[in-house]
Amino acid sequence: MSRVCELTGKKAMVGNNVSHAMNRTKRKFNANLVKKRFFIPEEDRWVTLKVCTSALKDINKKGISAVIKEAKAKGFLTK
């Protein structure tokens, strides 16, 4: 499975390692992903999602139902 947040759509970025001599080599900046279970009271069920830690902060602030609703509207979550 790819390293993509299921709620925000964040994924790996590409950049450069830059040495002291300014030599540049390609590298990857991966998203900070966590596999987490959430309880959705409206549906009375548990859901396991792979989310980035910034999405966890949004869930703590807004609630899981609101964040899932936004993700479905943006097309990130298809379940």
N, C-alpha and C. Protein backbone atom coordinates (compact mmCIF):
# COMPACT_ATOMS: atom_id res chain seq x y z
N MET A 1 0.84 -1.18 0.00
CA MET A 1 0.00 0.00 0.00
C MET A 1 0.88 1.24 0.00
N SER A 2 0.46 2.26 -0.71
CA SER A 2 1.28 3.45 -0.85
C SER A 2 1.25 4.31 0.41
N ARG A 3 2.25 5.17 0.51
CA ARG A 3 2.38 6.06 1.67
C ARG A 3 1.59 7.35 1.41
N VAL A 4 0.26 7.24 1.50
CA VAL A 4 -0.62 8.38 1.27
C VAL A 4 -1.62 8.46 2.41
N CYS A 5 -1.82 9.66 2.94
CA CYS A 5 -2.82 9.87 3.99
C CYS A 5 -4.20 9.73 3.38
N GLU A 6 -5.06 8.94 4.02
CA GLU A 6 -6.39 8.67 3.48
C GLU A 6 -7.35 9.83 3.70
N LEU A 7 -7.03 10.75 4.60
CA LEU A 7 -7.94 11.87 4.87
C LEU A 7 -7.51 13.17 4.21
N THR A 8 -6.21 13.41 4.09
CA THR A 8 -5.74 14.68 3.53
C THR A 8 -5.12 14.52 2.15
N GLY A 9 -4.74 13.30 1.77
CA GLY A 9 -4.11 13.08 0.48
C GLY A 9 -2.63 13.41 0.45
N LYS A 10 -2.04 13.69 1.61
CA LYS A 10 -0.60 13.99 1.65
C LYS A 10 0.18 12.75 1.24
N LYS A 11 1.26 12.98 0.46
CA LYS A 11 2.11 11.87 0.05
C LYS A 11 3.56 12.34 0.01
N ALA A 12 4.45 11.45 -0.39
CA ALA A 12 5.88 11.74 -0.37
C ALA A 12 6.22 12.85 -1.36
N MET A 13 7.18 13.70 -0.97
CA MET A 13 7.70 14.75 -1.84
C MET A 13 9.13 14.39 -2.21
N VAL A 14 9.63 14.94 -3.30
CA VAL A 14 10.99 14.68 -3.74
C VAL A 14 11.80 15.95 -3.59
N GLY A 15 13.04 15.78 -3.10
CA GLY A 15 13.92 16.92 -2.93
C GLY A 15 15.36 16.49 -3.06
N ASN A 16 16.26 17.27 -2.53
CA ASN A 16 17.68 17.00 -2.64
C ASN A 16 18.33 16.93 -1.26
N ASN A 17 19.31 16.00 -1.12
CA ASN A 17 20.27 16.07 -0.04
C ASN A 17 21.36 17.01 -0.52
N VAL A 18 21.72 17.99 0.27
CA VAL A 18 22.74 18.95 -0.14
C VAL A 18 23.90 18.83 0.84
N SER A 19 25.07 18.46 0.31
CA SER A 19 26.25 18.31 1.14
C SER A 19 26.88 19.68 1.40
N HIS A 20 27.91 19.67 2.23
CA HIS A 20 28.62 20.92 2.53
C HIS A 20 29.27 21.50 1.28
N ALA A 21 29.65 20.61 0.36
CA ALA A 21 30.26 21.04 -0.91
C ALA A 21 29.20 21.35 -1.97
N MET A 22 27.93 21.41 -1.55
CA MET A 22 26.79 21.73 -2.41
C MET A 22 26.53 20.67 -3.48
N ASN A 23 26.99 19.43 -3.25
CA ASN A 23 26.62 18.31 -4.13
C ASN A 23 25.18 17.94 -3.82
N ARG A 24 24.40 17.67 -4.86
CA ARG A 24 22.99 17.39 -4.68
C ARG A 24 22.66 15.97 -5.14
N THR A 25 22.00 15.22 -4.27
CA THR A 25 21.50 13.90 -4.62
C THR A 25 20.04 13.84 -4.26
N LYS A 26 19.28 13.10 -5.05
CA LYS A 26 17.83 13.02 -4.83
C LYS A 26 17.51 12.29 -3.53
N ARG A 27 16.45 12.72 -2.88
CA ARG A 27 15.93 12.06 -1.69
C ARG A 27 14.43 12.20 -1.64
N LYS A 28 13.82 11.52 -0.70
CA LYS A 28 12.36 11.50 -0.58
C LYS A 28 11.97 11.98 0.82
N PHE A 29 10.98 12.86 0.89
CA PHE A 29 10.41 13.30 2.16
C PHE A 29 9.08 12.58 2.30
N ASN A 30 9.03 11.53 3.14
CA ASN A 30 7.80 10.77 3.32
C ASN A 30 6.85 11.49 4.28
N ALA A 31 5.57 11.26 4.09
CA ALA A 31 4.57 11.80 5.01
C ALA A 31 4.66 11.04 6.33
N ASN A 32 4.38 11.71 7.43
CA ASN A 32 4.43 11.10 8.76
C ASN A 32 3.11 10.37 9.00
N LEU A 33 3.05 9.09 8.63
CA LEU A 33 1.80 8.34 8.66
C LEU A 33 1.71 7.43 9.87
N VAL A 34 0.48 7.26 10.36
CA VAL A 34 0.17 6.40 11.50
C VAL A 34 -1.08 5.61 11.15
N LYS A 35 -1.07 4.31 11.45
CA LYS A 35 -2.26 3.49 11.25
C LYS A 35 -3.07 3.54 12.54
N LYS A 36 -4.32 3.97 12.47
CA LYS A 36 -5.10 4.26 13.68
C LYS A 36 -6.54 3.81 13.51
N ARG A 37 -7.13 3.32 14.59
CA ARG A 37 -8.55 2.94 14.59
C ARG A 37 -9.37 4.07 15.21
N PHE A 38 -10.49 4.36 14.56
CA PHE A 38 -11.40 5.40 15.06
C PHE A 38 -12.79 4.82 15.19
N PHE A 39 -13.50 5.25 16.23
CA PHE A 39 -14.90 4.84 16.40
C PHE A 39 -15.79 5.94 15.87
N ILE A 40 -16.70 5.58 14.96
CA ILE A 40 -17.64 6.54 14.40
C ILE A 40 -18.99 6.29 15.05
N PRO A 41 -19.43 7.18 15.95
CA PRO A 41 -20.67 6.93 16.69
C PRO A 41 -21.93 6.95 15.81
N GLU A 42 -21.94 7.74 14.74
CA GLU A 42 -23.12 7.80 13.88
C GLU A 42 -23.38 6.46 13.19
N GLU A 43 -22.31 5.77 12.80
CA GLU A 43 -22.44 4.48 12.13
C GLU A 43 -22.27 3.32 13.10
N ASP A 44 -21.90 3.61 14.34
CA ASP A 44 -21.70 2.63 15.40
C ASP A 44 -20.71 1.54 14.97
N ARG A 45 -19.56 1.96 14.43
CA ARG A 45 -18.55 1.00 14.00
C ARG A 45 -17.16 1.60 14.10
N TRP A 46 -16.15 0.71 14.07
CA TRP A 46 -14.75 1.10 14.10
C TRP A 46 -14.22 1.14 12.68
N VAL A 47 -13.34 2.10 12.39
CA VAL A 47 -12.72 2.24 11.08
C VAL A 47 -11.21 2.38 11.28
N THR A 48 -10.42 1.62 10.51
CA THR A 48 -8.97 1.75 10.56
C THR A 48 -8.52 2.59 9.37
N LEU A 49 -7.79 3.65 9.65
CA LEU A 49 -7.32 4.56 8.61
C LEU A 49 -5.83 4.77 8.75
N LYS A 50 -5.16 5.00 7.61
CA LYS A 50 -3.75 5.39 7.61
C LYS A 50 -3.74 6.90 7.43
N VAL A 51 -3.43 7.64 8.49
CA VAL A 51 -3.52 9.10 8.47
C VAL A 51 -2.19 9.72 8.86
N CYS A 52 -1.96 10.94 8.39
CA CYS A 52 -0.77 11.68 8.79
C CYS A 52 -1.06 12.33 10.15
N THR A 53 -0.01 12.70 10.84
CA THR A 53 -0.19 13.23 12.19
C THR A 53 -0.88 14.59 12.19
N SER A 54 -0.76 15.34 11.10
CA SER A 54 -1.50 16.61 11.03
C SER A 54 -3.00 16.35 10.93
N ALA A 55 -3.39 15.24 10.30
CA ALA A 55 -4.81 14.88 10.24
C ALA A 55 -5.32 14.47 11.62
N LEU A 56 -4.44 13.85 12.43
CA LEU A 56 -4.83 13.50 13.80
C LEU A 56 -5.16 14.76 14.60
N LYS A 57 -4.38 15.82 14.37
CA LYS A 57 -4.65 17.08 15.06
C LYS A 57 -6.00 17.64 14.63
N ASP A 58 -6.33 17.52 13.34
CA ASP A 58 -7.63 17.97 12.84
C ASP A 58 -8.76 17.16 13.46
N ILE A 59 -8.55 15.85 13.60
CA ILE A 59 -9.57 14.99 14.18
C ILE A 59 -9.80 15.36 15.63
N ASN A 60 -8.74 15.65 16.37
CA ASN A 60 -8.89 16.07 17.77
C ASN A 60 -9.63 17.39 17.88
N LYS A 61 -9.44 18.26 16.89
CA LYS A 61 -10.05 19.59 16.92
C LYS A 61 -11.50 19.56 16.46
N LYS A 62 -11.77 18.92 15.30
CA LYS A 62 -13.10 18.97 14.68
C LYS A 62 -13.96 17.75 14.96
N GLY A 63 -13.34 16.61 15.18
CA GLY A 63 -14.07 15.36 15.34
C GLY A 63 -13.93 14.51 14.10
N ILE A 64 -14.00 13.19 14.29
CA ILE A 64 -13.77 12.26 13.18
C ILE A 64 -14.85 12.36 12.11
N SER A 65 -16.09 12.58 12.52
CA SER A 65 -17.18 12.63 11.54
C SER A 65 -17.03 13.80 10.58
N ALA A 66 -16.67 14.97 11.11
CA ALA A 66 -16.50 16.16 10.28
C ALA A 66 -15.33 16.00 9.32
N VAL A 67 -14.23 15.42 9.80
CA VAL A 67 -13.04 15.26 8.96
C VAL A 67 -13.31 14.24 7.85
N ILE A 68 -14.01 13.15 8.16
CA ILE A 68 -14.35 12.16 7.13
C ILE A 68 -15.28 12.77 6.10
N LYS A 69 -16.20 13.59 6.53
CA LYS A 69 -17.13 14.25 5.61
C LYS A 69 -16.36 15.17 4.65
N GLU A 70 -15.39 15.92 5.17
CA GLU A 70 -14.56 16.80 4.32
C GLU A 70 -13.73 15.99 3.34
N ALA A 71 -13.17 14.86 3.80
CA ALA A 71 -12.33 14.02 2.94
C ALA A 71 -13.15 13.42 1.80
N LYS A 72 -14.38 13.00 2.09
CA LYS A 72 -15.25 12.47 1.03
C LYS A 72 -15.61 13.55 0.03
N ALA A 73 -15.84 14.78 0.50
CA ALA A 73 -16.17 15.89 -0.39
C ALA A 73 -15.01 16.23 -1.31
N LYS A 74 -13.77 16.11 -0.80
CA LYS A 74 -12.58 16.41 -1.61
C LYS A 74 -12.16 15.23 -2.47
N GLY A 75 -12.73 14.05 -2.22
CA GLY A 75 -12.44 12.88 -3.04
C GLY A 75 -11.29 12.03 -2.57
N PHE A 76 -10.78 12.27 -1.35
CA PHE A 76 -9.67 11.47 -0.83
C PHE A 76 -10.15 10.14 -0.27
N LEU A 77 -11.30 10.13 0.36
CA LEU A 77 -11.82 8.91 0.99
C LEU A 77 -12.96 8.39 0.14
N THR A 78 -12.87 7.14 -0.31
CA THR A 78 -13.89 6.58 -1.19
C THR A 78 -14.78 5.56 -0.49
N LYS A 79 -14.44 5.21 0.74
CA LYS A 79 -15.20 4.17 1.47
C LYS A 79 -16.56 4.69 1.87
